[in-house]
């Protein structure tokens, strides 16, 4: 008996969230933090999260990058996001874009997003290749001739090791024959 999978109901909406009116209420050195909190509060209100629980809202990494792009003191005035609500009431917020004044910054963010996605794809491909290589490396059944050759090779190696070990145990002291010291002849000095 196969259980039928329940189809999850997902709501998808795109919102433009005004952040300026929220972060203007806080001091400059806390503006980006307040902008992130404002995004969560906005999503809770508009996606009708039960009990207004902020913890059920999960923000994408790229939204965080977009808000913090120009530092803590200068977050964007508004941001465009895509909200996805599942059947359990959890909301996932994904990055869609920045306002028109942020063209350069948005291009930088999109390039970063593409780079990370390509890296992730490459890592997945490498993992797949490694798994395939491991499967190929599994020992296949050897023929009788290969087994005999391998045994002979091992026996030869053992014999060589024995010879080497016996050579190391017997120290050989070879005395060099004494050579006669050369006689130094003095020549008479001529005057």
Protein backbone atom coordinates (compact mmCIF):
# COMPACT_ATOMS: atom_id res chain seq x y z
CA UNK A 1 0.00 0.00 0.00
CA UNK A 2 1.56 3.22 -1.12
CA UNK A 3 0.64 6.32 0.79
CA UNK A 4 -0.56 9.21 -1.30
CA UNK A 5 1.51 12.34 -0.80
CA UNK A 6 -0.37 15.39 0.27
CA UNK A 7 -0.03 18.31 -2.04
CA UNK A 8 1.25 21.26 -0.09
CA UNK A 9 -0.62 24.48 -0.54
CA UNK A 10 1.81 27.27 -1.26
CA UNK A 11 1.02 30.92 -1.54
CA UNK A 12 3.44 32.99 -3.55
CA UNK A 13 3.32 36.78 -3.56
CA UNK A 14 5.69 39.54 -4.55
CA UNK A 15 5.91 42.55 -2.27
CA UNK A 16 7.72 45.88 -2.33
CA UNK A 17 8.57 46.52 1.32
CA UNK A 18 9.02 50.17 2.37
CA UNK A 19 11.90 50.21 4.84
CA UNK A 20 12.64 53.93 5.14
CA UNK A 21 9.74 54.82 7.41
CA UNK A 22 10.87 52.07 9.81
CA UNK A 23 14.61 52.65 9.92
CA UNK A 24 14.16 56.42 10.30
CA UNK A 25 12.78 55.72 13.78
CA UNK A 26 16.10 54.36 15.01
CA UNK A 27 19.58 55.87 15.45
CA UNK A 28 21.95 55.67 12.48
CA UNK A 29 24.14 52.92 13.89
CA UNK A 30 21.14 50.54 14.14
CA UNK A 31 19.38 51.15 10.81
CA UNK A 32 20.26 47.95 8.95
CA UNK A 33 19.24 45.83 11.94
CA UNK A 34 15.90 47.62 12.12
CA UNK A 35 15.40 47.15 8.36
CA UNK A 36 15.81 43.38 8.74
CA UNK A 37 13.33 43.35 11.61
CA UNK A 38 10.92 45.49 9.57
CA UNK A 39 11.00 42.91 6.75
CA UNK A 40 10.00 40.15 9.16
CA UNK A 41 7.23 42.25 10.71
CA UNK A 42 5.91 43.18 7.27
CA UNK A 43 5.81 39.51 6.22
CA UNK A 44 4.05 38.46 9.43
CA UNK A 45 1.37 41.09 8.88
CA UNK A 46 0.80 40.57 5.15
CA UNK A 47 1.17 36.78 4.93
CA UNK A 48 -1.14 36.29 7.94
CA UNK A 49 1.22 34.17 10.02
CA UNK A 50 -0.64 32.57 12.95
CA UNK A 51 -0.03 34.22 16.34
CA UNK A 52 2.15 36.83 14.58
CA UNK A 53 5.20 34.67 15.27
CA UNK A 54 8.29 36.31 13.76
CA UNK A 55 10.27 33.06 14.14
CA UNK A 56 8.18 31.45 11.38
CA UNK A 57 9.58 33.91 8.83
CA UNK A 58 12.83 32.77 7.19
CA UNK A 59 14.76 35.39 5.22
CA UNK A 60 16.99 34.47 2.30
CA UNK A 61 20.71 35.17 2.57
CA UNK A 62 20.59 37.56 -0.39
CA UNK A 63 18.04 39.84 1.25
CA UNK A 64 20.44 40.18 4.15
CA UNK A 65 23.27 40.95 1.70
CA UNK A 66 21.13 43.58 -0.05
CA UNK A 67 20.20 45.33 3.20
CA UNK A 68 23.76 45.35 4.53
CA UNK A 69 25.34 46.15 1.13
CA UNK A 70 26.09 49.81 1.92
CA UNK A 71 26.70 49.30 5.61
CA UNK A 72 24.73 49.62 8.82
CA UNK A 73 23.97 53.33 8.39
CA UNK A 74 22.60 53.31 4.82
CA UNK A 75 20.17 50.45 4.13
CA UNK A 76 17.93 50.69 1.03
CA UNK A 77 14.67 52.62 1.27
CA UNK A 78 12.65 49.74 -0.14
CA UNK A 79 13.22 46.20 -1.33
CA UNK A 80 11.33 43.82 -3.60
CA UNK A 81 10.83 40.30 -2.25
CA UNK A 82 8.99 37.10 -3.09
CA UNK A 83 7.17 35.48 -0.16
CA UNK A 84 6.26 31.78 -0.16
CA UNK A 85 3.95 30.46 2.55
CA UNK A 86 3.62 26.72 3.09
CA UNK A 87 0.72 24.79 4.60
CA UNK A 88 2.25 24.86 8.11
CA UNK A 89 2.29 28.66 8.20
CA UNK A 90 6.04 29.09 7.68
CA UNK A 91 7.06 31.90 5.34
CA UNK A 92 10.20 31.88 3.22
CA UNK A 93 11.25 35.25 1.84
CA UNK A 94 13.43 35.35 -1.30
CA UNK A 95 15.25 38.28 -2.92
CA UNK A 96 13.75 39.75 -6.10
CA UNK A 97 15.38 43.15 -6.50
CA UNK A 98 16.35 46.57 -5.21
CA UNK A 99 14.81 49.94 -6.12
CA UNK A 100 16.01 51.66 -9.34
CA UNK A 101 18.58 53.86 -7.57
CA UNK A 102 20.59 50.78 -6.60
CA UNK A 103 21.40 49.50 -10.10
CA UNK A 104 25.14 49.07 -9.53
CA UNK A 105 24.68 47.38 -6.17
CA UNK A 106 21.96 45.12 -7.54
CA UNK A 107 24.23 44.00 -10.39
CA UNK A 108 26.97 43.15 -7.87
CA UNK A 109 24.51 41.14 -5.80
CA UNK A 110 23.20 39.25 -8.81
CA UNK A 111 26.76 38.38 -9.86
CA UNK A 112 27.45 37.07 -6.35
CA UNK A 113 24.27 35.02 -6.47
CA UNK A 114 25.26 33.50 -9.83
CA UNK A 115 28.78 32.71 -8.61
CA UNK A 116 27.54 30.94 -5.50
CA UNK A 117 25.01 28.94 -7.51
CA UNK A 118 27.66 27.85 -9.99
CA UNK A 119 29.98 26.87 -7.11
CA UNK A 120 27.22 24.81 -5.55
CA UNK A 121 26.55 23.08 -8.88
CA UNK A 122 30.25 22.32 -9.32
CA UNK A 123 30.45 20.87 -5.81
CA UNK A 124 27.45 18.65 -6.49
CA UNK A 125 28.98 17.46 -9.77
CA UNK A 126 32.29 16.69 -8.04
CA UNK A 127 30.48 14.68 -5.37
CA UNK A 128 28.68 12.69 -8.08
CA UNK A 129 31.98 12.04 -9.87
CA UNK A 130 33.63 10.88 -6.64
CA UNK A 131 30.76 8.49 -5.97
CA UNK A 132 31.07 7.06 -9.51
CA UNK A 133 34.83 6.65 -9.11
CA UNK A 134 34.35 4.82 -5.80
CA UNK A 135 31.88 2.46 -7.44
CA UNK A 136 34.34 1.77 -10.26
CA UNK A 137 37.22 1.16 -7.85
CA UNK A 138 35.42 -1.70 -6.16
CA UNK A 139 37.49 -4.83 -6.74
CA UNK A 140 36.22 -7.00 -9.53
CA UNK A 141 36.69 -10.76 -9.55
CA UNK A 142 40.23 -11.67 -10.60
CA UNK A 143 41.09 -14.49 -12.92
CA UNK A 144 43.17 -17.44 -11.72
CA UNK A 145 46.22 -16.30 -13.67
CA UNK A 146 46.12 -12.86 -12.03
CA UNK A 147 45.85 -14.47 -8.60
CA UNK A 148 48.89 -16.68 -9.27
CA UNK A 149 50.92 -13.75 -10.54
CA UNK A 150 50.03 -11.73 -7.47
CA UNK A 151 51.06 -14.59 -5.13
CA UNK A 152 54.41 -14.99 -6.93
CA UNK A 153 55.06 -11.28 -6.68
CA UNK A 154 54.33 -11.33 -2.93
CA UNK A 155 56.70 -14.28 -2.44
CA UNK A 156 59.48 -12.48 -4.29
CA UNK A 157 58.95 -9.40 -2.16
CA UNK A 158 59.16 -11.49 1.02
CA UNK A 159 62.44 -13.08 -0.14
CA UNK A 160 63.90 -9.66 -0.90
CA UNK A 161 62.88 -8.36 2.51
CA UNK A 162 64.55 -11.33 4.21
CA UNK A 163 67.80 -10.73 2.32
CA UNK A 164 67.77 -7.06 3.15
CA UNK A 165 67.06 -7.70 6.83
CA UNK A 166 69.95 -10.22 7.10
CA UNK A 167 72.31 -7.77 5.42
CA UNK A 168 71.45 -5.10 7.92
CA UNK A 169 72.07 -7.40 10.89
CA UNK A 170 75.62 -8.41 9.89
CA UNK A 171 77.88 -5.41 10.21
CA UNK A 172 80.83 -5.60 7.90
CA UNK A 173 84.04 -3.99 9.07
CA UNK A 174 86.45 -3.73 6.24
CA UNK A 175 89.89 -2.61 7.22
CA UNK A 176 91.72 -0.59 4.67
CA UNK A 177 95.27 -1.72 4.02
CA UNK A 178 97.81 0.62 5.47
CA UNK A 179 99.61 2.58 2.85
CA UNK A 180 103.22 3.51 3.42
CA UNK A 181 103.67 7.11 4.29
CA UNK A 182 105.55 9.03 1.65
CA UNK A 183 109.12 9.87 2.50
CA UNK A 184 109.82 13.52 2.32
CA UNK A 185 113.18 14.23 0.78
CA UNK A 186 114.85 17.48 1.38
CA UNK A 187 116.69 19.04 -1.39
CA UNK A 188 119.87 20.82 -0.67
CA UNK A 189 119.72 24.41 -1.31
CA UNK A 190 122.15 25.60 -3.85
CA UNK A 191 124.00 28.77 -3.24
